[in-house]
Structure formats: C-alpha cells, structure tokens
Amino acid sequence: MLLHLMVELLLYLLVDLMLYLLVDLLLHLLVELLLHLLLLYLLVDLPLYLSVDLLLHLSVDLLLHLLVE
C-alpha cells in the first residue's frame, strides 16, 4: 500500500513538473514571438511610416514654396 502511494505521488509530481515546463515553454515562445513582432514593426512599419510622413512634409513645403513665389 505504501509503495502504491509513493508511486502515485511520484507520478503526480512528474505530471505537475511536465505541466509546469510546458507552460514555461509556451510563455517563453510567446514572449519570443512578441519580441520578433516588435522588431519587425520597428524595422519595416516604422521606417515606412516615417518615410511617408517625410514625403508629405516635403510635398507640403514644396507647395508652400510654390504658392509664395
């Protein structure tokens, strides 16, 4: 009986440890995915937005310059 309880406890602890490791791995992968998405935003979307903003600013400056002349 005691051996049976010890084996059951070990199995319970192993399953608990496996679940903990699985959740830890999933959280690690989620954080890594979010960091990659942030890096992708910083490398692609942000420069694109800034270049469009710069083009708009330059075109407005050009229009104002043409209107003044």
PDB file of N, CA and C in Angstrom:
ATOM      1  N   MET A   1       0.823  -1.203   0.000  1.00  0.00           N
ATOM      2  CA  MET A   1       0.000   0.000   0.000  1.00  0.00           C
ATOM      3  C   MET A   1       0.872   1.274   0.000  1.00  0.00           C
ATOM      4  N   LEU A   2       1.891   1.253   0.830  1.00  0.00           N
ATOM      5  CA  LEU A   2       2.769   2.415   0.911  1.00  0.00           C
ATOM      6  C   LEU A   2       3.510   2.633  -0.412  1.00  0.00           C
ATOM      7  N   LEU A   3       3.957   1.544  -1.009  1.00  0.00           N
ATOM      8  CA  LEU A   3       4.627   1.637  -2.301  1.00  0.00           C
ATOM      9  C   LEU A   3       3.685   2.209  -3.358  1.00  0.00           C
ATOM     10  N   HIS A   4       2.452   1.782  -3.321  1.00  0.00           N
ATOM     11  CA  HIS A   4       1.452   2.282  -4.264  1.00  0.00           C
ATOM     12  C   HIS A   4       1.257   3.798  -4.098  1.00  0.00           C
ATOM     13  N   LEU A   5       1.187   4.262  -2.875  1.00  0.00           N
ATOM     14  CA  LEU A   5       1.036   5.702  -2.614  1.00  0.00           C
ATOM     15  C   LEU A   5       2.269   6.484  -3.070  1.00  0.00           C
ATOM     16  N   MET A   6       3.436   5.917  -2.856  1.00  0.00           N
ATOM     17  CA  MET A   6       4.662   6.598  -3.279  1.00  0.00           C
ATOM     18  C   MET A   6       4.741   6.702  -4.805  1.00  0.00           C
ATOM     19  N   VAL A   7       4.371   5.629  -5.490  1.00  0.00           N
ATOM     20  CA  VAL A   7       4.370   5.656  -6.953  1.00  0.00           C
ATOM     21  C   VAL A   7       3.346   6.660  -7.457  1.00  0.00           C
ATOM     22  N   GLU A   8       2.198   6.689  -6.832  1.00  0.00           N
ATOM     23  CA  GLU A   8       1.160   7.645  -7.227  1.00  0.00           C
ATOM     24  C   GLU A   8       1.621   9.083  -7.004  1.00  0.00           C
ATOM     25  N   LEU A   9       2.276   9.320  -5.896  1.00  0.00           N
ATOM     26  CA  LEU A   9       2.800  10.657  -5.608  1.00  0.00           C
ATOM     27  C   LEU A   9       3.877  11.047  -6.626  1.00  0.00           C
ATOM     28  N   LEU A  10       4.759  10.126  -6.956  1.00  0.00           N
ATOM     29  CA  LEU A  10       5.789  10.412  -7.956  1.00  0.00           C
ATOM     30  C   LEU A  10       5.173  10.715  -9.315  1.00  0.00           C
ATOM     31  N   LEU A  11       4.179   9.958  -9.700  1.00  0.00           N
ATOM     32  CA  LEU A  11       3.505  10.222 -10.972  1.00  0.00           C
ATOM     33  C   LEU A  11       2.836  11.591 -10.962  1.00  0.00           C
ATOM     34  N   TYR A  12       2.196  11.915  -9.843  1.00  0.00           N
ATOM     35  CA  TYR A  12       1.555  13.221  -9.721  1.00  0.00           C
ATOM     36  C   TYR A  12       2.592  14.342  -9.847  1.00  0.00           C
ATOM     37  N   LEU A  13       3.734  14.172  -9.177  1.00  0.00           N
ATOM     38  CA  LEU A  13       4.784  15.193  -9.236  1.00  0.00           C
ATOM     39  C   LEU A  13       5.379  15.301 -10.636  1.00  0.00           C
ATOM     40  N   LEU A  14       5.546  14.175 -11.304  1.00  0.00           N
ATOM     41  CA  LEU A  14       6.070  14.211 -12.668  1.00  0.00           C
ATOM     42  C   LEU A  14       5.113  14.919 -13.616  1.00  0.00           C
ATOM     43  N   VAL A  15       3.839  14.624 -13.491  1.00  0.00           N
ATOM     44  CA  VAL A  15       2.848  15.292 -14.343  1.00  0.00           C
ATOM     45  C   VAL A  15       2.814  16.782 -14.035  1.00  0.00           C
ATOM     46  N   ASP A  16       2.883  17.123 -12.765  1.00  0.00           N
ATOM     47  CA  ASP A  16       2.894  18.526 -12.370  1.00  0.00           C
ATOM     48  C   ASP A  16       4.124  19.243 -12.934  1.00  0.00           C
ATOM     49  N   LEU A  17       5.277  18.597 -12.846  1.00  0.00           N
ATOM     50  CA  LEU A  17       6.503  19.177 -13.391  1.00  0.00           C
ATOM     51  C   LEU A  17       6.411  19.328 -14.908  1.00  0.00           C
ATOM     52  N   MET A  18       5.869  18.335 -15.574  1.00  0.00           N
ATOM     53  CA  MET A  18       5.735  18.415 -17.031  1.00  0.00           C
ATOM     54  C   MET A  18       4.795  19.547 -17.428  1.00  0.00           C
ATOM     55  N   LEU A  19       3.706  19.714 -16.704  1.00  0.00           N
ATOM     56  CA  LEU A  19       2.790  20.823 -16.997  1.00  0.00           C
ATOM     57  C   LEU A  19       3.463  22.171 -16.752  1.00  0.00           C
ATOM     58  N   TYR A  20       4.210  22.261 -15.670  1.00  0.00           N
ATOM     59  CA  TYR A  20       4.931  23.500 -15.380  1.00  0.00           C
ATOM     60  C   TYR A  20       5.928  23.823 -16.495  1.00  0.00           C
ATOM     61  N   LEU A  21       6.683  22.814 -16.929  1.00  0.00           N
ATOM     62  CA  LEU A  21       7.660  23.034 -18.001  1.00  0.00           C
ATOM     63  C   LEU A  21       6.982  23.389 -19.315  1.00  0.00           C
ATOM     64  N   LEU A  22       5.847  22.780 -19.585  1.00  0.00           N
ATOM     65  CA  LEU A  22       5.114  23.087 -20.806  1.00  0.00           C
ATOM     66  C   LEU A  22       4.613  24.532 -20.789  1.00  0.00           C
ATOM     67  N   VAL A  23       4.059  24.958 -19.673  1.00  0.00           N
ATOM     68  CA  VAL A  23       3.583  26.340 -19.557  1.00  0.00           C
ATOM     69  C   VAL A  23       4.756  27.308 -19.658  1.00  0.00           C
ATOM     70  N   ASP A  24       5.862  26.963 -19.032  1.00  0.00           N
ATOM     71  CA  ASP A  24       7.056  27.803 -19.110  1.00  0.00           C
ATOM     72  C   ASP A  24       7.550  27.922 -20.549  1.00  0.00           C
ATOM     73  N   LEU A  25       7.569  26.815 -21.256  1.00  0.00           N
ATOM     74  CA  LEU A  25       7.988  26.826 -22.658  1.00  0.00           C
ATOM     75  C   LEU A  25       7.032  27.658 -23.507  1.00  0.00           C
ATOM     76  N   LEU A  26       5.739  27.507 -23.281  1.00  0.00           N
ATOM     77  CA  LEU A  26       4.762  28.277 -24.058  1.00  0.00           C
ATOM     78  C   LEU A  26       4.889  29.772 -23.787  1.00  0.00           C
ATOM     79  N   LEU A  27       5.106  30.134 -22.541  1.00  0.00           N
ATOM     80  CA  LEU A  27       5.294  31.557 -22.223  1.00  0.00           C
ATOM     81  C   LEU A  27       6.574  32.096 -22.857  1.00  0.00           C
ATOM     82  N   HIS A  28       7.617  31.297 -22.827  1.00  0.00           N
ATOM     83  CA  HIS A  28       8.875  31.706 -23.462  1.00  0.00           C
ATOM     84  C   HIS A  28       8.677  31.917 -24.964  1.00  0.00           C
ATOM     85  N   LEU A  29       7.964  31.004 -25.609  1.00  0.00           N
ATOM     86  CA  LEU A  29       7.715  31.140 -27.046  1.00  0.00           C
ATOM     87  C   LEU A  29       6.836  32.349 -27.349  1.00  0.00           C
ATOM     88  N   LEU A  30       5.875  32.615 -26.487  1.00  0.00           N
ATOM     89  CA  LEU A  30       5.009  33.773 -26.679  1.00  0.00           C
ATOM     90  C   LEU A  30       5.805  35.073 -26.565  1.00  0.00           C
ATOM     91  N   VAL A  31       6.665  35.154 -25.579  1.00  0.00           N
ATOM     92  CA  VAL A  31       7.496  36.354 -25.411  1.00  0.00           C
ATOM     93  C   VAL A  31       8.432  36.516 -26.604  1.00  0.00           C
ATOM     94  N   GLU A  32       8.996  35.405 -27.068  1.00  0.00           N
ATOM     95  CA  GLU A  32       9.882  35.478 -28.229  1.00  0.00           C
ATOM     96  C   GLU A  32       9.118  35.931 -29.476  1.00  0.00           C
ATOM     97  N   LEU A  33       7.910  35.439 -29.649  1.00  0.00           N
ATOM     98  CA  LEU A  33       7.086  35.856 -30.786  1.00  0.00           C
ATOM     99  C   LEU A  33       6.761  37.344 -30.703  1.00  0.00           C
ATOM    100  N   LEU A  34       6.415  37.821 -29.523  1.00  0.00           N
ATOM    101  CA  LEU A  34       6.111  39.245 -29.364  1.00  0.00           C
ATOM    102  C   LEU A  34       7.339  40.111 -29.639  1.00  0.00           C
ATOM    103  N   LEU A  35       8.506  39.647 -29.216  1.00  0.00           N
ATOM    104  CA  LEU A  35       9.728  40.406 -29.499  1.00  0.00           C
ATOM    105  C   LEU A  35      10.030  40.435 -30.992  1.00  0.00           C
ATOM    106  N   HIS A  36       9.797  39.317 -31.671  1.00  0.00           N
ATOM    107  CA  HIS A  36      10.008  39.304 -33.120  1.00  0.00           C
ATOM    108  C   HIS A  36       9.030  40.231 -33.829  1.00  0.00           C
ATOM    109  N   LEU A  37       7.791  40.252 -33.366  1.00  0.00           N
ATOM    110  CA  LEU A  37       6.808  41.146 -33.982  1.00  0.00           C
ATOM    111  C   LEU A  37       7.172  42.607 -33.744  1.00  0.00           C
ATOM    112  N   LEU A  38       7.648  42.913 -32.557  1.00  0.00           N
ATOM    113  CA  LEU A  38       8.086  44.277 -32.263  1.00  0.00           C
ATOM    114  C   LEU A  38       9.274  44.663 -33.140  1.00  0.00           C
ATOM    115  N   LEU A  39      10.220  43.753 -33.279  1.00  0.00           N
ATOM    116  CA  LEU A  39      11.375  44.013 -34.135  1.00  0.00           C
ATOM    117  C   LEU A  39      10.946  44.205 -35.585  1.00  0.00           C
ATOM    118  N   LEU A  40      10.013  43.383 -36.039  1.00  0.00           N
ATOM    119  CA  LEU A  40       9.501  43.524 -37.402  1.00  0.00           C
ATOM    120  C   LEU A  40       8.821  44.878 -37.578  1.00  0.00           C
ATOM    121  N   TYR A  41       8.046  45.307 -36.576  1.00  0.00           N
ATOM    122  CA  TYR A  41       7.402  46.622 -36.643  1.00  0.00           C
ATOM    123  C   TYR A  41       8.448  47.733 -36.707  1.00  0.00           C
ATOM    124  N   LEU A  42       9.476  47.602 -35.875  1.00  0.00           N
ATOM    125  CA  LEU A  42      10.498  48.652 -35.844  1.00  0.00           C
ATOM    126  C   LEU A  42      11.316  48.693 -37.123  1.00  0.00           C
ATOM    127  N   LEU A  43      11.508  47.546 -37.749  1.00  0.00           N
ATOM    128  CA  LEU A  43      12.345  47.509 -38.951  1.00  0.00           C
ATOM    129  C   LEU A  43      11.580  47.786 -40.236  1.00  0.00           C
ATOM    130  N   VAL A  44      10.284  47.506 -40.257  1.00  0.00           N
ATOM    131  CA  VAL A  44       9.522  47.625 -41.504  1.00  0.00           C
ATOM    132  C   VAL A  44       8.480  48.735 -41.424  1.00  0.00           C
ATOM    133  N   ASP A  45       7.556  48.620 -40.496  1.00  0.00           N
ATOM    134  CA  ASP A  45       6.431  49.554 -40.462  1.00  0.00           C
ATOM    135  C   ASP A  45       6.837  50.962 -40.052  1.00  0.00           C
ATOM    136  N   LEU A  46       7.654  51.064 -39.043  1.00  0.00           N
ATOM    137  CA  LEU A  46       8.028  52.391 -38.559  1.00  0.00           C
ATOM    138  C   LEU A  46       8.820  53.192 -39.598  1.00  0.00           C
ATOM    139  N   PRO A  47       9.853  52.626 -40.233  1.00  0.00           N
ATOM    140  CA  PRO A  47      10.536  53.406 -41.291  1.00  0.00           C
ATOM    141  C   PRO A  47       9.608  53.762 -42.455  1.00  0.00           C
ATOM    142  N   LEU A  48       8.698  52.845 -42.783  1.00  0.00           N
ATOM    143  CA  LEU A  48       7.751  53.138 -43.855  1.00  0.00           C
ATOM    144  C   LEU A  48       6.859  54.311 -43.467  1.00  0.00           C
ATOM    145  N   TYR A  49       6.354  54.285 -42.243  1.00  0.00           N
ATOM    146  CA  TYR A  49       5.523  55.386 -41.761  1.00  0.00           C
ATOM    147  C   TYR A  49       6.314  56.696 -41.751  1.00  0.00           C
ATOM    148  N   LEU A  50       7.549  56.634 -41.278  1.00  0.00           N
ATOM    149  CA  LEU A  50       8.363  57.851 -41.216  1.00  0.00           C
ATOM    150  C   LEU A  50       8.701  58.371 -42.605  1.00  0.00           C
ATOM    151  N   SER A  51       8.942  57.485 -43.552  1.00  0.00           N
ATOM    152  CA  SER A  51       9.253  57.943 -44.907  1.00  0.00           C
ATOM    153  C   SER A  51       8.028  58.579 -45.554  1.00  0.00           C
ATOM    154  N   VAL A  52       6.839  58.007 -45.326  1.00  0.00           N
ATOM    155  CA  VAL A  52       5.614  58.614 -45.863  1.00  0.00           C
ATOM    156  C   VAL A  52       5.381  59.967 -45.208  1.00  0.00           C
ATOM    157  N   ASP A  53       5.610  60.044 -43.911  1.00  0.00           N
ATOM    158  CA  ASP A  53       5.455  61.312 -43.205  1.00  0.00           C
ATOM    159  C   ASP A  53       6.447  62.351 -43.736  1.00  0.00           C
ATOM    160  N   LEU A  54       7.657  61.936 -43.983  1.00  0.00           N
ATOM    161  CA  LEU A  54       8.660  62.848 -44.538  1.00  0.00           C
ATOM    162  C   LEU A  54       8.266  63.313 -45.939  1.00  0.00           C
ATOM    163  N   LEU A  55       7.770  62.399 -46.761  1.00  0.00           N
ATOM    164  CA  LEU A  55       7.331  62.780 -48.105  1.00  0.00           C
ATOM    165  C   LEU A  55       6.180  63.779 -48.055  1.00  0.00           C
ATOM    166  N   LEU A  56       5.247  63.554 -47.155  1.00  0.00           N
ATOM    167  CA  LEU A  56       4.139  64.506 -47.018  1.00  0.00           C
ATOM    168  C   LEU A  56       4.645  65.870 -46.569  1.00  0.00           C
ATOM    169  N   HIS A  57       5.552  65.852 -45.623  1.00  0.00           N
ATOM    170  CA  HIS A  57       6.108  67.106 -45.136  1.00  0.00           C
ATOM    171  C   HIS A  57       6.842  67.856 -46.256  1.00  0.00           C
ATOM    172  N   LEU A  58       7.629  67.137 -47.029  1.00  0.00           N
ATOM    173  CA  LEU A  58       8.362  67.771 -48.128  1.00  0.00           C
ATOM    174  C   LEU A  58       7.424  68.269 -49.218  1.00  0.00           C
ATOM    175  N   SER A  59       6.376  67.527 -49.494  1.00  0.00           N
ATOM    176  CA  SER A  59       5.435  67.977 -50.525  1.00  0.00           C
ATOM    177  C   SER A  59       4.673  69.217 -50.060  1.00  0.00           C
ATOM    178  N   VAL A  60       4.337  69.287 -48.780  1.00  0.00           N
ATOM    179  CA  VAL A  60       3.680  70.487 -48.254  1.00  0.00           C
ATOM    180  C   VAL A  60       4.638  71.668 -48.318  1.00  0.00           C
ATOM    181  N   ASP A  61       5.900  71.436 -47.989  1.00  0.00           N
ATOM    182  CA  ASP A  61       6.896  72.505 -48.096  1.00  0.00           C
ATOM    183  C   ASP A  61       7.039  72.986 -49.536  1.00  0.00           C
ATOM    184  N   LEU A  62       7.055  72.065 -50.456  1.00  0.00           N
ATOM    185  CA  LEU A  62       7.165  72.425 -51.865  1.00  0.00           C
ATOM    186  C   LEU A  62       5.943  73.225 -52.317  1.00  0.00           C
ATOM    187  N   LEU A  63       4.765  72.791 -51.902  1.00  0.00           N
ATOM    188  CA  LEU A  63       3.547  73.529 -52.267  1.00  0.00           C
ATOM    189  C   LEU A  63       3.558  74.935 -51.681  1.00  0.00           C
ATOM    190  N   LEU A  64       3.972  75.054 -50.436  1.00  0.00           N
ATOM    191  CA  LEU A  64       4.047  76.380 -49.826  1.00  0.00           C
ATOM    192  C   LEU A  64       5.073  77.253 -50.540  1.00  0.00           C
ATOM    193  N   HIS A  65       6.166  76.667 -50.902  1.00  0.00           N
ATOM    194  CA  HIS A  65       7.194  77.411 -51.629  1.00  0.00           C
ATOM    195  C   HIS A  65       6.662  77.889 -52.983  1.00  0.00           C
ATOM    196  N   LEU A  66       5.926  77.030 -53.668  1.00  0.00           N
ATOM    197  CA  LEU A  66       5.361  77.415 -54.961  1.00  0.00           C
ATOM    198  C   LEU A  66       4.279  78.478 -54.813  1.00  0.00           C
ATOM    199  N   LEU A  67       3.524  78.397 -53.733  1.00  0.00           N
ATOM    200  CA  LEU A  67       2.481  79.399 -53.509  1.00  0.00           C
ATOM    201  C   LEU A  67       3.078  80.760 -53.175  1.00  0.00           C
ATOM    202  N   VAL A  68       4.185  80.764 -52.472  1.00  0.00           N
ATOM    203  CA  VAL A  68       4.824  82.016 -52.094  1.00  0.00           C
ATOM    204  C   VAL A  68       5.411  82.699 -53.320  1.00  0.00           C
ATOM    205  N   GLU A  69       5.957  81.927 -54.237  1.00  0.00           N
ATOM    206  CA  GLU A  69       6.565  82.528 -55.432  1.00  0.00           C
ATOM    207  C   GLU A  69       5.537  82.961 -56.377  1.00  0.00           C
TER     208      GLU A  69
END
